[in-house]
């Protein structure tokens, strides 16, 4: 029986997903994570879903997943933002959220992290209804795993995008043609990231993935918190 998995990445349109199966890679786009997963599952039952978004939110302090992922990302460490604590994500604006996070975790939060709060909380609300195991994945760690070392070039550069496309192809993930993404507001880097996340979801389904930390943390939400590669 073939295994079908999904990798999801946030994008301006909402979410972009790459579903992997024995028939190859297929793309889908939806404004909501639940809709994206439903689209992918319409093509066959999913064994695992990987998402490039924090899963498992600390009540105070730093997530070890973020601390360890920054170290593992090497020159791409800045791509791993420190996840805000759960109470900060309920604040109405960045200033208040950053102040509360400083009190509970020892530092403020980036504008990027705050701007992702809608998607973070969207995934958090959806998780109890997920149709299969869902894991947090960071694309830069995936590409570093494929290459054997952190990549030197940013994904937003031609060299970086070319390298990532080549690494995916070496893993049997061919991204050719428009993938059904014509007229969709999805960047090249979003598609590459979603494909890398799908690669780790496939490894997870096969029992070959590993995570940081090796023993996932749990906070009051009782969700396993770890970043998988």
N, C-alpha and C. Protein backbone atom coordinates (compact mmCIF):
# COMPACT_ATOMS: atom_id res chain seq x y z
N UNK A 1 0.85 -1.19 0.00
CA UNK A 1 0.00 0.00 0.00
C UNK A 1 0.88 1.24 0.00
N UNK A 2 0.58 2.20 -0.88
CA UNK A 2 1.39 3.41 -0.98
C UNK A 2 1.11 4.34 0.20
N UNK A 3 2.11 5.16 0.53
CA UNK A 3 1.99 6.11 1.62
C UNK A 3 1.84 7.50 1.02
N UNK A 4 0.89 8.27 1.54
CA UNK A 4 0.65 9.63 1.08
C UNK A 4 0.83 10.57 2.27
N UNK A 5 1.62 11.61 2.09
CA UNK A 5 1.87 12.57 3.16
C UNK A 5 1.72 13.98 2.61
N UNK A 6 1.64 14.94 3.53
CA UNK A 6 1.49 16.34 3.14
C UNK A 6 2.47 17.20 3.89
N UNK A 7 3.09 18.14 3.17
CA UNK A 7 3.90 19.18 3.78
C UNK A 7 3.22 20.51 3.55
N UNK A 8 3.07 21.33 4.61
CA UNK A 8 2.36 22.60 4.50
C UNK A 8 3.23 23.76 4.95
N UNK A 9 3.12 24.87 4.22
CA UNK A 9 3.87 26.08 4.55
C UNK A 9 2.94 27.28 4.42
N UNK A 10 3.08 28.24 5.33
CA UNK A 10 2.28 29.46 5.24
C UNK A 10 2.70 30.28 4.04
N UNK A 11 1.74 30.93 3.40
CA UNK A 11 2.02 31.76 2.23
C UNK A 11 0.99 32.89 2.20
N UNK A 12 1.16 33.88 1.33
CA UNK A 12 0.21 35.00 1.29
C UNK A 12 -1.24 34.57 1.04
N UNK A 13 -1.43 33.46 0.33
CA UNK A 13 -2.79 32.98 0.06
C UNK A 13 -3.38 32.21 1.24
N UNK A 14 -2.57 31.95 2.23
CA UNK A 14 -3.00 31.17 3.38
C UNK A 14 -2.01 30.07 3.65
N UNK A 15 -2.21 28.94 2.93
CA UNK A 15 -1.33 27.79 3.06
C UNK A 15 -1.10 27.16 1.69
N UNK A 16 0.13 26.71 1.46
CA UNK A 16 0.43 25.91 0.28
C UNK A 16 0.91 24.55 0.77
N UNK A 17 0.45 23.52 0.10
CA UNK A 17 0.83 22.17 0.48
C UNK A 17 1.40 21.40 -0.69
N UNK A 18 2.34 20.52 -0.38
CA UNK A 18 2.84 19.55 -1.36
C UNK A 18 2.53 18.16 -0.82
N UNK A 19 1.71 17.43 -1.55
CA UNK A 19 1.38 16.06 -1.19
C UNK A 19 2.28 15.11 -1.97
N UNK A 20 2.87 14.18 -1.26
CA UNK A 20 3.76 13.19 -1.89
C UNK A 20 3.13 11.81 -1.82
N UNK A 21 3.18 11.11 -2.94
CA UNK A 21 2.71 9.72 -3.00
C UNK A 21 3.49 9.03 -4.11
N UNK A 22 3.14 7.80 -4.38
CA UNK A 22 3.85 7.07 -5.43
C UNK A 22 3.64 7.68 -6.81
N UNK A 23 2.63 8.53 -6.94
CA UNK A 23 2.38 9.18 -8.24
C UNK A 23 3.16 10.47 -8.39
N UNK A 24 3.90 10.88 -7.36
CA UNK A 24 4.70 12.10 -7.45
C UNK A 24 4.22 13.18 -6.51
N UNK A 25 4.54 14.42 -6.85
CA UNK A 25 4.20 15.57 -6.00
C UNK A 25 3.01 16.33 -6.59
N UNK A 26 2.10 16.69 -5.72
CA UNK A 26 0.93 17.47 -6.11
C UNK A 26 0.80 18.67 -5.18
N UNK A 27 0.44 19.82 -5.73
CA UNK A 27 0.31 21.03 -4.92
C UNK A 27 -1.15 21.36 -4.66
N UNK A 28 -1.39 22.00 -3.53
CA UNK A 28 -2.72 22.49 -3.22
C UNK A 28 -2.58 23.79 -2.41
N UNK A 29 -3.59 24.62 -2.47
CA UNK A 29 -3.59 25.90 -1.77
C UNK A 29 -4.95 26.12 -1.13
N UNK A 30 -4.94 26.63 0.09
CA UNK A 30 -6.21 26.94 0.76
C UNK A 30 -5.95 28.02 1.80
N UNK A 31 -6.99 28.77 2.12
CA UNK A 31 -6.85 29.84 3.12
C UNK A 31 -6.76 29.30 4.54
N UNK A 32 -7.27 28.09 4.77
CA UNK A 32 -7.29 27.49 6.11
C UNK A 32 -6.55 26.16 6.10
N UNK A 33 -5.89 25.84 7.21
CA UNK A 33 -5.14 24.59 7.27
C UNK A 33 -6.07 23.38 7.16
N UNK A 34 -7.26 23.47 7.76
CA UNK A 34 -8.21 22.35 7.66
C UNK A 34 -8.61 22.09 6.22
N UNK A 35 -8.84 23.16 5.46
CA UNK A 35 -9.20 23.01 4.06
C UNK A 35 -8.07 22.45 3.23
N UNK A 36 -6.84 22.87 3.53
CA UNK A 36 -5.68 22.37 2.81
C UNK A 36 -5.53 20.87 3.02
N UNK A 37 -5.64 20.44 4.26
CA UNK A 37 -5.50 19.01 4.57
C UNK A 37 -6.63 18.21 3.93
N UNK A 38 -7.82 18.76 3.93
CA UNK A 38 -8.95 18.07 3.30
C UNK A 38 -8.73 17.92 1.80
N UNK A 39 -8.19 18.96 1.16
CA UNK A 39 -7.88 18.87 -0.27
C UNK A 39 -6.88 17.75 -0.53
N UNK A 40 -5.82 17.71 0.27
CA UNK A 40 -4.79 16.69 0.07
C UNK A 40 -5.34 15.30 0.34
N UNK A 41 -6.18 15.17 1.36
CA UNK A 41 -6.73 13.87 1.73
C UNK A 41 -7.73 13.36 0.70
N UNK A 42 -8.28 14.26 -0.11
CA UNK A 42 -9.21 13.83 -1.15
C UNK A 42 -8.51 12.94 -2.18
N UNK A 43 -7.19 13.08 -2.27
CA UNK A 43 -6.42 12.26 -3.20
C UNK A 43 -5.96 10.95 -2.60
N UNK A 44 -6.28 10.71 -1.35
CA UNK A 44 -5.89 9.48 -0.67
C UNK A 44 -5.61 9.74 0.78
N UNK A 45 -5.81 8.73 1.62
CA UNK A 45 -5.62 8.89 3.06
C UNK A 45 -4.19 9.31 3.39
N UNK A 46 -4.06 10.27 4.29
CA UNK A 46 -2.75 10.78 4.66
C UNK A 46 -2.19 10.01 5.84
N UNK A 47 -0.91 9.67 5.74
CA UNK A 47 -0.23 8.96 6.84
C UNK A 47 0.37 9.94 7.83
N UNK A 48 0.68 11.16 7.39
CA UNK A 48 1.26 12.18 8.26
C UNK A 48 1.17 13.53 7.57
N UNK A 49 1.11 14.58 8.39
CA UNK A 49 1.13 15.96 7.91
C UNK A 49 2.25 16.69 8.63
N UNK A 50 3.11 17.34 7.87
CA UNK A 50 4.14 18.20 8.44
C UNK A 50 3.77 19.65 8.19
N UNK A 51 4.00 20.51 9.17
CA UNK A 51 3.64 21.92 9.04
C UNK A 51 4.79 22.79 9.52
N UNK A 52 5.12 23.80 8.74
CA UNK A 52 6.14 24.76 9.14
C UNK A 52 5.47 25.87 9.96
N UNK A 53 5.11 25.52 11.17
CA UNK A 53 4.47 26.45 12.11
C UNK A 53 4.66 25.84 13.50
N UNK A 54 4.82 26.66 14.53
CA UNK A 54 4.98 26.10 15.87
C UNK A 54 3.80 25.25 16.31
N UNK A 55 4.09 24.10 16.89
CA UNK A 55 3.08 23.18 17.43
C UNK A 55 3.50 22.85 18.86
N UNK A 56 2.64 23.14 19.82
CA UNK A 56 2.99 22.97 21.22
C UNK A 56 3.53 24.30 21.74
N UNK A 57 2.73 25.02 22.48
CA UNK A 57 3.07 26.39 22.89
C UNK A 57 3.39 26.45 24.37
N UNK A 58 4.57 27.00 24.68
CA UNK A 58 4.98 27.13 26.07
C UNK A 58 4.13 28.16 26.80
N UNK A 59 3.94 27.94 28.09
CA UNK A 59 3.22 28.91 28.92
C UNK A 59 4.17 29.98 29.44
N UNK A 60 5.44 29.62 29.57
CA UNK A 60 6.49 30.54 30.02
C UNK A 60 7.83 29.96 29.58
N UNK A 61 8.82 30.82 29.42
CA UNK A 61 10.14 30.35 29.02
C UNK A 61 10.23 30.03 27.54
N UNK A 62 11.39 29.52 27.13
CA UNK A 62 11.64 29.19 25.74
C UNK A 62 11.37 27.72 25.45
N UNK A 63 10.94 27.44 24.24
CA UNK A 63 10.82 26.05 23.79
C UNK A 63 12.21 25.53 23.45
N UNK A 64 12.56 24.37 23.96
CA UNK A 64 13.86 23.79 23.62
C UNK A 64 13.94 23.47 22.14
N UNK A 65 12.82 23.20 21.50
CA UNK A 65 12.80 22.94 20.06
C UNK A 65 13.38 24.11 19.30
N UNK A 66 13.02 25.33 19.68
CA UNK A 66 13.51 26.52 18.99
C UNK A 66 14.99 26.75 19.27
N UNK A 67 15.39 26.58 20.53
CA UNK A 67 16.79 26.78 20.92
C UNK A 67 17.70 25.82 20.15
N UNK A 68 17.33 24.55 20.11
CA UNK A 68 18.15 23.55 19.43
C UNK A 68 18.10 23.71 17.92
N UNK A 69 16.96 24.12 17.39
CA UNK A 69 16.84 24.30 15.94
C UNK A 69 17.72 25.45 15.47
N UNK A 70 17.81 26.51 16.25
CA UNK A 70 18.68 27.63 15.89
C UNK A 70 20.14 27.18 15.79
N UNK A 71 20.55 26.36 16.73
CA UNK A 71 21.92 25.86 16.69
C UNK A 71 22.14 24.98 15.46
N UNK A 72 21.16 24.14 15.16
CA UNK A 72 21.29 23.22 14.03
C UNK A 72 21.25 23.93 12.69
N UNK A 73 20.60 25.10 12.62
CA UNK A 73 20.46 25.83 11.35
C UNK A 73 21.74 26.53 10.92
N UNK A 74 22.72 26.65 11.81
CA UNK A 74 23.99 27.26 11.43
C UNK A 74 23.82 28.67 10.89
N UNK A 75 24.35 28.95 9.70
CA UNK A 75 24.25 30.31 9.15
C UNK A 75 22.82 30.75 8.86
N UNK A 76 21.90 29.84 8.83
CA UNK A 76 20.49 30.18 8.61
C UNK A 76 19.72 30.27 9.93
N UNK A 77 20.42 30.50 11.05
CA UNK A 77 19.79 30.52 12.37
C UNK A 77 18.66 31.55 12.48
N UNK A 78 18.81 32.67 11.78
CA UNK A 78 17.80 33.72 11.89
C UNK A 78 16.45 33.30 11.31
N UNK A 79 16.44 32.25 10.50
CA UNK A 79 15.17 31.77 9.94
C UNK A 79 14.32 31.05 10.98
N UNK A 80 14.92 30.71 12.11
CA UNK A 80 14.19 30.05 13.20
C UNK A 80 13.84 31.11 14.24
N UNK A 81 12.59 31.56 14.27
CA UNK A 81 12.23 32.55 15.27
C UNK A 81 11.83 31.86 16.58
N UNK A 82 12.01 32.57 17.67
CA UNK A 82 11.64 32.03 18.98
C UNK A 82 10.12 32.18 19.14
N UNK A 83 9.45 31.06 19.35
CA UNK A 83 7.99 31.05 19.42
C UNK A 83 7.48 31.82 20.64
N UNK A 84 6.54 32.73 20.46
CA UNK A 84 5.97 33.43 21.61
C UNK A 84 5.28 32.46 22.56
N UNK A 85 5.24 32.81 23.84
CA UNK A 85 4.50 31.98 24.79
C UNK A 85 3.01 32.12 24.49
N UNK A 86 2.25 31.12 24.90
CA UNK A 86 0.83 31.10 24.57
C UNK A 86 0.09 32.38 25.02
N UNK A 87 0.30 32.87 26.26
CA UNK A 87 -0.44 34.09 26.66
C UNK A 87 -0.15 35.30 25.77
N UNK A 88 1.09 35.40 25.25
CA UNK A 88 1.43 36.56 24.41
C UNK A 88 0.66 36.53 23.09
N UNK A 89 0.32 35.34 22.62
CA UNK A 89 -0.38 35.22 21.35
C UNK A 89 -1.82 35.70 21.42
N UNK A 90 -2.31 35.94 22.64
CA UNK A 90 -3.68 36.42 22.78
C UNK A 90 -3.74 37.94 22.89
N UNK A 91 -2.59 38.59 22.92
CA UNK A 91 -2.55 40.05 23.06
C UNK A 91 -3.00 40.72 21.75
N UNK A 92 -3.64 41.89 21.84
CA UNK A 92 -4.21 42.54 20.65
C UNK A 92 -3.22 43.22 19.73
N UNK A 93 -2.00 43.53 20.22
CA UNK A 93 -1.03 44.18 19.35
C UNK A 93 0.38 43.73 19.70
N UNK A 94 1.31 44.04 18.79
CA UNK A 94 2.69 43.58 18.95
C UNK A 94 3.35 44.12 20.20
N UNK A 95 3.10 45.37 20.52
CA UNK A 95 3.73 45.98 21.68
C UNK A 95 3.34 45.27 22.98
N UNK A 96 2.06 45.00 23.15
CA UNK A 96 1.61 44.32 24.35
C UNK A 96 2.08 42.87 24.38
N UNK A 97 2.05 42.23 23.22
CA UNK A 97 2.50 40.84 23.15
C UNK A 97 3.98 40.73 23.49
N UNK A 98 4.78 41.65 22.96
CA UNK A 98 6.21 41.62 23.21
C UNK A 98 6.52 41.88 24.68
N UNK A 99 5.79 42.82 25.30
CA UNK A 99 6.00 43.13 26.71
C UNK A 99 5.66 41.92 27.59
N UNK A 100 4.55 41.25 27.30
CA UNK A 100 4.16 40.09 28.10
C UNK A 100 5.16 38.95 27.90
N UNK A 101 5.61 38.77 26.65
CA UNK A 101 6.57 37.70 26.38
C UNK A 101 7.89 37.97 27.12
N UNK A 102 8.27 39.25 27.21
CA UNK A 102 9.50 39.61 27.93
C UNK A 102 9.38 39.23 29.40
N UNK A 103 8.20 39.42 29.95
CA UNK A 103 7.97 39.06 31.35
C UNK A 103 7.99 37.55 31.56
N UNK A 104 7.38 36.80 30.66
CA UNK A 104 7.22 35.36 30.84
C UNK A 104 8.36 34.53 30.26
N UNK A 105 9.08 35.08 29.27
CA UNK A 105 10.12 34.29 28.61
C UNK A 105 11.48 34.96 28.58
N UNK A 106 11.56 36.20 29.06
CA UNK A 106 12.85 36.87 29.16
C UNK A 106 13.25 37.69 27.95
N UNK A 107 12.42 37.72 26.93
CA UNK A 107 12.74 38.52 25.74
C UNK A 107 11.45 38.88 25.01
N UNK A 108 11.53 39.95 24.22
CA UNK A 108 10.39 40.33 23.40
C UNK A 108 10.25 39.38 22.24
N UNK A 109 9.30 39.66 21.35
CA UNK A 109 9.10 38.81 20.18
C UNK A 109 9.22 39.64 18.91
N UNK A 110 9.63 38.99 17.84
CA UNK A 110 9.80 39.68 16.57
C UNK A 110 8.45 40.01 15.96
N UNK A 111 8.45 41.00 15.09
CA UNK A 111 7.23 41.35 14.36
C UNK A 111 6.77 40.17 13.51
N UNK A 112 7.74 39.42 12.92
CA UNK A 112 7.39 38.25 12.10
C UNK A 112 6.64 37.22 12.91
N UNK A 113 7.14 36.94 14.11
CA UNK A 113 6.49 35.95 14.97
C UNK A 113 5.09 36.39 15.34
N UNK A 114 4.93 37.68 15.67
CA UNK A 114 3.61 38.17 16.04
C UNK A 114 2.64 38.11 14.86
N UNK A 115 3.14 38.44 13.68
CA UNK A 115 2.28 38.43 12.49
C UNK A 115 1.80 37.03 12.13
N UNK A 116 2.50 36.02 12.62
CA UNK A 116 2.09 34.63 12.35
C UNK A 116 1.12 34.09 13.38
N UNK A 117 0.76 34.91 14.36
CA UNK A 117 -0.06 34.39 15.46
C UNK A 117 -1.38 33.82 14.97
N UNK A 118 -1.98 34.44 13.94
CA UNK A 118 -3.25 33.93 13.43
C UNK A 118 -3.12 32.50 12.93
N UNK A 119 -2.06 32.23 12.19
CA UNK A 119 -1.85 30.88 11.66
C UNK A 119 -1.43 29.91 12.77
N UNK A 120 -0.63 30.40 13.73
CA UNK A 120 -0.24 29.54 14.85
C UNK A 120 -1.48 29.08 15.62
N UNK A 121 -2.36 30.01 15.93
CA UNK A 121 -3.56 29.68 16.69
C UNK A 121 -4.55 28.88 15.84
N UNK A 122 -4.56 29.12 14.54
CA UNK A 122 -5.43 28.35 13.64
C UNK A 122 -5.04 26.87 13.70
N UNK A 123 -3.75 26.59 13.60
CA UNK A 123 -3.28 25.21 13.67
C UNK A 123 -3.55 24.63 15.06
N UNK A 124 -3.32 25.43 16.09
CA UNK A 124 -3.54 24.99 17.47
C UNK A 124 -4.99 24.55 17.67
N UNK A 125 -5.94 25.30 17.12
CA UNK A 125 -7.36 24.95 17.26
C UNK A 125 -7.72 23.71 16.45
N UNK A 126 -7.05 23.53 15.32
CA UNK A 126 -7.39 22.43 14.40
C UNK A 126 -6.82 21.10 14.85
N UNK A 127 -5.71 21.10 15.55
CA UNK A 127 -5.00 19.86 15.88
C UNK A 127 -5.88 18.75 16.46
N UNK A 128 -6.79 19.05 17.39
CA UNK A 128 -7.59 17.95 17.95
C UNK A 128 -8.44 17.21 16.92
N UNK A 129 -8.70 17.82 15.78
CA UNK A 129 -9.53 17.18 14.76
C UNK A 129 -8.71 16.63 13.59
N UNK A 130 -7.40 16.72 13.67
CA UNK A 130 -6.54 16.28 12.57
C UNK A 130 -6.77 14.80 12.26
N UNK A 131 -6.77 14.43 10.98
CA UNK A 131 -7.08 13.05 10.59
C UNK A 131 -5.91 12.08 10.70
N UNK A 132 -4.73 12.59 11.07
CA UNK A 132 -3.53 11.75 11.13
C UNK A 132 -2.49 12.46 11.99
N UNK A 133 -1.36 11.81 12.28
CA UNK A 133 -0.32 12.50 13.05
C UNK A 133 0.14 13.79 12.36
N UNK A 134 0.35 14.83 13.16
CA UNK A 134 0.80 16.13 12.66
C UNK A 134 2.08 16.51 13.39
N UNK A 135 3.10 16.90 12.64
CA UNK A 135 4.39 17.25 13.25
C UNK A 135 4.84 18.64 12.80
N UNK A 136 5.61 19.29 13.65
CA UNK A 136 6.21 20.57 13.30
C UNK A 136 7.53 20.33 12.58
N UNK A 137 7.74 21.04 11.50
CA UNK A 137 8.94 20.86 10.69
C UNK A 137 9.48 22.23 10.31
N UNK A 138 10.80 22.37 10.30
CA UNK A 138 11.41 23.61 9.82
C UNK A 138 12.18 23.30 8.54
N UNK A 139 11.81 23.91 7.40
CA UNK A 139 12.44 23.58 6.12
C UNK A 139 13.95 23.70 6.10
N UNK A 140 14.53 24.71 6.76
CA UNK A 140 15.98 24.87 6.72
C UNK A 140 16.69 23.67 7.33
N UNK A 141 16.09 23.08 8.35
CA UNK A 141 16.69 21.88 8.94
C UNK A 141 16.54 20.69 8.01
N UNK A 142 15.44 20.65 7.27
CA UNK A 142 15.25 19.58 6.28
C UNK A 142 16.33 19.64 5.21
N UNK A 143 16.55 20.83 4.66
CA UNK A 143 17.54 20.98 3.60
C UNK A 143 18.95 20.71 4.14
N UNK A 144 19.21 21.11 5.37
CA UNK A 144 20.51 20.81 5.97
C UNK A 144 20.70 19.31 6.11
N UNK A 145 19.63 18.60 6.46
CA UNK A 145 19.70 17.14 6.57
C UNK A 145 19.96 16.51 5.21
N UNK A 146 19.30 17.00 4.18
CA UNK A 146 19.53 16.47 2.83
C UNK A 146 20.95 16.72 2.37
N UNK A 147 21.48 17.91 2.67
CA UNK A 147 22.81 18.31 2.17
C UNK A 147 23.95 17.81 3.04
N UNK A 148 23.63 17.43 4.27
CA UNK A 148 24.68 17.01 5.19
C UNK A 148 25.30 18.16 5.97
N UNK A 149 24.80 19.38 5.74
CA UNK A 149 25.29 20.57 6.44
C UNK A 149 24.32 21.71 6.15
N UNK A 150 24.26 22.72 7.03
CA UNK A 150 23.39 23.88 6.76
C UNK A 150 23.77 24.55 5.44
N UNK A 151 22.78 25.05 4.73
CA UNK A 151 23.02 25.71 3.45
C UNK A 151 23.57 27.11 3.66
N UNK A 152 24.40 27.55 2.74
CA UNK A 152 25.02 28.87 2.85
C UNK A 152 24.15 29.96 2.25
N UNK A 153 23.39 29.63 1.20
CA UNK A 153 22.62 30.65 0.48
C UNK A 153 21.17 30.70 0.92
N UNK A 154 20.64 31.89 1.03
CA UNK A 154 19.25 32.08 1.41
C UNK A 154 18.31 31.53 0.35
N UNK A 155 17.15 31.08 0.78
CA UNK A 155 16.15 30.54 -0.15
C UNK A 155 15.61 31.61 -1.08
N UNK A 156 15.78 32.88 -0.73
CA UNK A 156 15.26 33.98 -1.55
C UNK A 156 16.21 34.35 -2.68
N UNK A 157 17.38 33.72 -2.75
CA UNK A 157 18.33 33.99 -3.83
C UNK A 157 18.22 32.90 -4.90
N UNK A 158 18.71 33.22 -6.10
CA UNK A 158 18.69 32.24 -7.18
C UNK A 158 19.53 31.02 -6.81
N UNK A 159 20.72 31.25 -6.26
CA UNK A 159 21.59 30.14 -5.88
C UNK A 159 20.92 29.28 -4.82
N UNK A 160 20.28 29.93 -3.85
CA UNK A 160 19.63 29.18 -2.79
C UNK A 160 18.46 28.35 -3.30
N UNK A 161 17.64 28.94 -4.18
CA UNK A 161 16.49 28.23 -4.73
C UNK A 161 16.95 27.06 -5.60
N UNK A 162 17.99 27.28 -6.40
CA UNK A 162 18.52 26.22 -7.26
C UNK A 162 19.05 25.06 -6.44
N UNK A 163 19.78 25.37 -5.39
CA UNK A 163 20.32 24.32 -4.52
C UNK A 163 19.20 23.51 -3.89
N UNK A 164 18.17 24.18 -3.40
CA UNK A 164 17.06 23.48 -2.76
C UNK A 164 16.29 22.62 -3.75
N UNK A 165 16.11 23.13 -4.95
CA UNK A 165 15.42 22.34 -5.99
C UNK A 165 16.24 21.08 -6.30
N UNK A 166 17.55 21.24 -6.38
CA UNK A 166 18.41 20.09 -6.67
C UNK A 166 18.39 19.06 -5.55
N UNK A 167 18.41 19.52 -4.31
CA UNK A 167 18.37 18.61 -3.17
C UNK A 167 17.06 17.82 -3.14
N UNK A 168 15.95 18.48 -3.43
CA UNK A 168 14.67 17.79 -3.47
C UNK A 168 14.64 16.74 -4.57
N UNK A 169 15.15 17.11 -5.74
CA UNK A 169 15.17 16.17 -6.86
C UNK A 169 16.00 14.94 -6.52
N UNK A 170 17.09 15.13 -5.79
CA UNK A 170 17.94 14.00 -5.39
C UNK A 170 17.20 13.06 -4.45
N UNK A 171 16.16 13.58 -3.78
CA UNK A 171 15.35 12.75 -2.88
C UNK A 171 14.11 12.20 -3.59
N UNK A 172 14.06 12.36 -4.91
CA UNK A 172 12.94 11.84 -5.68
C UNK A 172 11.73 12.75 -5.70
N UNK A 173 11.90 14.01 -5.29
CA UNK A 173 10.79 14.95 -5.29
C UNK A 173 10.99 15.91 -6.45
N UNK A 174 10.31 15.66 -7.55
CA UNK A 174 10.44 16.46 -8.75
C UNK A 174 9.33 17.51 -8.80
N UNK A 175 9.73 18.76 -8.79
CA UNK A 175 8.77 19.86 -8.86
C UNK A 175 8.88 20.47 -10.25
N UNK A 176 8.04 20.01 -11.16
CA UNK A 176 8.10 20.48 -12.54
C UNK A 176 6.75 21.02 -12.98
N UNK A 177 6.78 21.91 -13.96
CA UNK A 177 5.55 22.51 -14.43
C UNK A 177 4.99 23.48 -13.39
N UNK A 178 3.77 23.92 -13.59
CA UNK A 178 3.19 24.90 -12.68
C UNK A 178 2.55 24.26 -11.46
N UNK A 179 2.45 22.92 -11.42
CA UNK A 179 1.91 22.18 -10.27
C UNK A 179 0.48 22.58 -9.93
N UNK A 180 -0.22 23.15 -10.91
CA UNK A 180 -1.58 23.59 -10.64
C UNK A 180 -1.67 24.88 -9.85
N UNK A 181 -0.56 25.63 -9.80
CA UNK A 181 -0.50 26.84 -8.99
C UNK A 181 -0.65 28.12 -9.81
N UNK A 182 -1.07 27.99 -11.05
CA UNK A 182 -1.28 29.17 -11.87
C UNK A 182 -2.27 30.13 -11.22
N UNK A 183 -1.93 31.42 -11.22
CA UNK A 183 -2.76 32.49 -10.67
C UNK A 183 -2.85 32.46 -9.14
N UNK A 184 -2.13 31.55 -8.52
CA UNK A 184 -2.12 31.51 -7.06
C UNK A 184 -1.00 32.39 -6.52
N UNK A 185 -1.26 33.06 -5.40
CA UNK A 185 -0.28 33.96 -4.79
C UNK A 185 0.67 33.13 -3.91
N UNK A 186 1.54 32.38 -4.57
CA UNK A 186 2.46 31.48 -3.88
C UNK A 186 3.86 31.68 -4.44
N UNK A 187 4.82 31.93 -3.57
CA UNK A 187 6.19 32.16 -4.00
C UNK A 187 6.95 30.86 -4.24
N UNK A 188 8.02 30.97 -4.99
CA UNK A 188 8.89 29.81 -5.24
C UNK A 188 9.41 29.23 -3.94
N UNK A 189 9.84 30.11 -3.02
CA UNK A 189 10.39 29.63 -1.75
C UNK A 189 9.33 28.92 -0.91
N UNK A 190 8.07 29.35 -1.02
CA UNK A 190 6.99 28.68 -0.28
C UNK A 190 6.80 27.24 -0.77
N UNK A 191 6.85 27.06 -2.08
CA UNK A 191 6.68 25.72 -2.66
C UNK A 191 7.85 24.82 -2.28
N UNK A 192 9.07 25.35 -2.36
CA UNK A 192 10.25 24.57 -1.99
C UNK A 192 10.19 24.17 -0.52
N UNK A 193 9.78 25.11 0.33
CA UNK A 193 9.67 24.82 1.76
C UNK A 193 8.61 23.74 2.03
N UNK A 194 7.45 23.86 1.37
CA UNK A 194 6.40 22.86 1.57
C UNK A 194 6.86 21.48 1.13
N UNK A 195 7.63 21.42 0.05
CA UNK A 195 8.15 20.14 -0.42
C UNK A 195 9.14 19.55 0.57
N UNK A 196 9.99 20.40 1.16
CA UNK A 196 10.95 19.93 2.15
C UNK A 196 10.22 19.40 3.39
N UNK A 197 9.16 20.09 3.79
CA UNK A 197 8.38 19.65 4.93
C UNK A 197 7.71 18.31 4.63
N UNK A 198 7.23 18.14 3.40
CA UNK A 198 6.64 16.87 2.99
C UNK A 198 7.67 15.74 3.04
N UNK A 199 8.91 16.06 2.67
CA UNK A 199 10.00 15.07 2.73
C UNK A 199 10.15 14.54 4.16
N UNK A 200 10.12 15.45 5.13
CA UNK A 200 10.24 15.02 6.52
C UNK A 200 8.99 14.26 6.98
N UNK A 201 7.81 14.68 6.52
CA UNK A 201 6.58 13.95 6.86
C UNK A 201 6.66 12.52 6.33
N UNK A 202 7.23 12.35 5.15
CA UNK A 202 7.41 11.01 4.60
C UNK A 202 8.37 10.20 5.45
N UNK A 203 9.46 10.83 5.89
CA UNK A 203 10.41 10.15 6.77
C UNK A 203 9.76 9.78 8.11
N UNK A 204 8.93 10.69 8.61
CA UNK A 204 8.23 10.41 9.87
C UNK A 204 7.32 9.19 9.72
N UNK A 205 6.57 9.15 8.63
CA UNK A 205 5.65 8.03 8.40
C UNK A 205 6.40 6.71 8.27
N UNK A 206 7.66 6.79 7.80
CA UNK A 206 8.47 5.58 7.64
C UNK A 206 9.27 5.24 8.89
N UNK A 207 9.17 6.09 9.92
CA UNK A 207 9.91 5.85 11.15
C UNK A 207 11.37 6.22 11.06
N UNK A 208 11.72 7.07 10.08
CA UNK A 208 13.13 7.42 9.87
C UNK A 208 13.47 8.85 10.31
N UNK A 209 12.50 9.64 10.70
CA UNK A 209 12.76 11.03 11.09
C UNK A 209 13.27 11.10 12.52
N UNK A 210 13.93 12.20 12.84
CA UNK A 210 14.36 12.45 14.22
C UNK A 210 13.91 13.85 14.61
N UNK A 211 13.92 14.11 15.91
CA UNK A 211 13.38 15.39 16.36
C UNK A 211 14.28 16.07 17.38
N UNK A 212 14.09 17.39 17.49
CA UNK A 212 14.76 18.23 18.47
C UNK A 212 13.71 18.87 19.36
N UNK A 213 13.79 18.65 20.69
CA UNK A 213 14.69 17.72 21.38
C UNK A 213 14.29 16.27 21.11
N UNK A 214 15.19 15.34 21.43
CA UNK A 214 14.91 13.93 21.16
C UNK A 214 13.75 13.41 22.01
N UNK A 215 13.52 14.04 23.15
CA UNK A 215 12.37 13.73 24.00
C UNK A 215 11.47 14.97 23.99
N UNK A 216 10.41 14.97 23.19
CA UNK A 216 9.57 16.17 23.06
C UNK A 216 9.09 16.72 24.39
N UNK A 217 9.04 18.06 24.47
CA UNK A 217 8.50 18.71 25.66
C UNK A 217 6.97 18.67 25.62
N UNK A 218 6.38 18.89 26.79
CA UNK A 218 4.92 19.07 26.87
C UNK A 218 4.62 20.20 27.83
N UNK A 219 3.71 21.06 27.41
CA UNK A 219 3.29 22.18 28.24
C UNK A 219 1.84 21.94 28.67
N UNK A 220 1.16 22.98 29.09
CA UNK A 220 -0.21 22.79 29.59
C UNK A 220 -1.17 22.30 28.51
N UNK A 221 -0.81 22.53 27.23
CA UNK A 221 -1.69 22.07 26.15
C UNK A 221 -1.58 20.58 25.90
N UNK A 222 -0.58 19.93 26.54
CA UNK A 222 -0.37 18.47 26.43
C UNK A 222 -0.13 18.02 24.98
N UNK A 223 0.51 18.89 24.20
CA UNK A 223 0.89 18.56 22.82
C UNK A 223 2.39 18.32 22.76
N UNK A 224 2.82 17.26 22.12
CA UNK A 224 4.25 17.02 21.96
C UNK A 224 4.88 18.19 21.21
N UNK A 225 5.92 18.76 21.79
CA UNK A 225 6.58 19.92 21.17
C UNK A 225 7.99 19.53 20.77
N UNK A 226 8.22 19.42 19.47
CA UNK A 226 9.53 19.09 18.92
C UNK A 226 9.53 19.47 17.44
N UNK A 227 10.70 19.75 16.91
CA UNK A 227 10.85 20.04 15.48
C UNK A 227 11.51 18.84 14.83
N UNK A 228 10.88 18.33 13.78
CA UNK A 228 11.31 17.08 13.14
C UNK A 228 12.10 17.34 11.86
N UNK A 229 13.03 16.44 11.58
CA UNK A 229 13.77 16.48 10.31
C UNK A 229 13.83 15.09 9.71
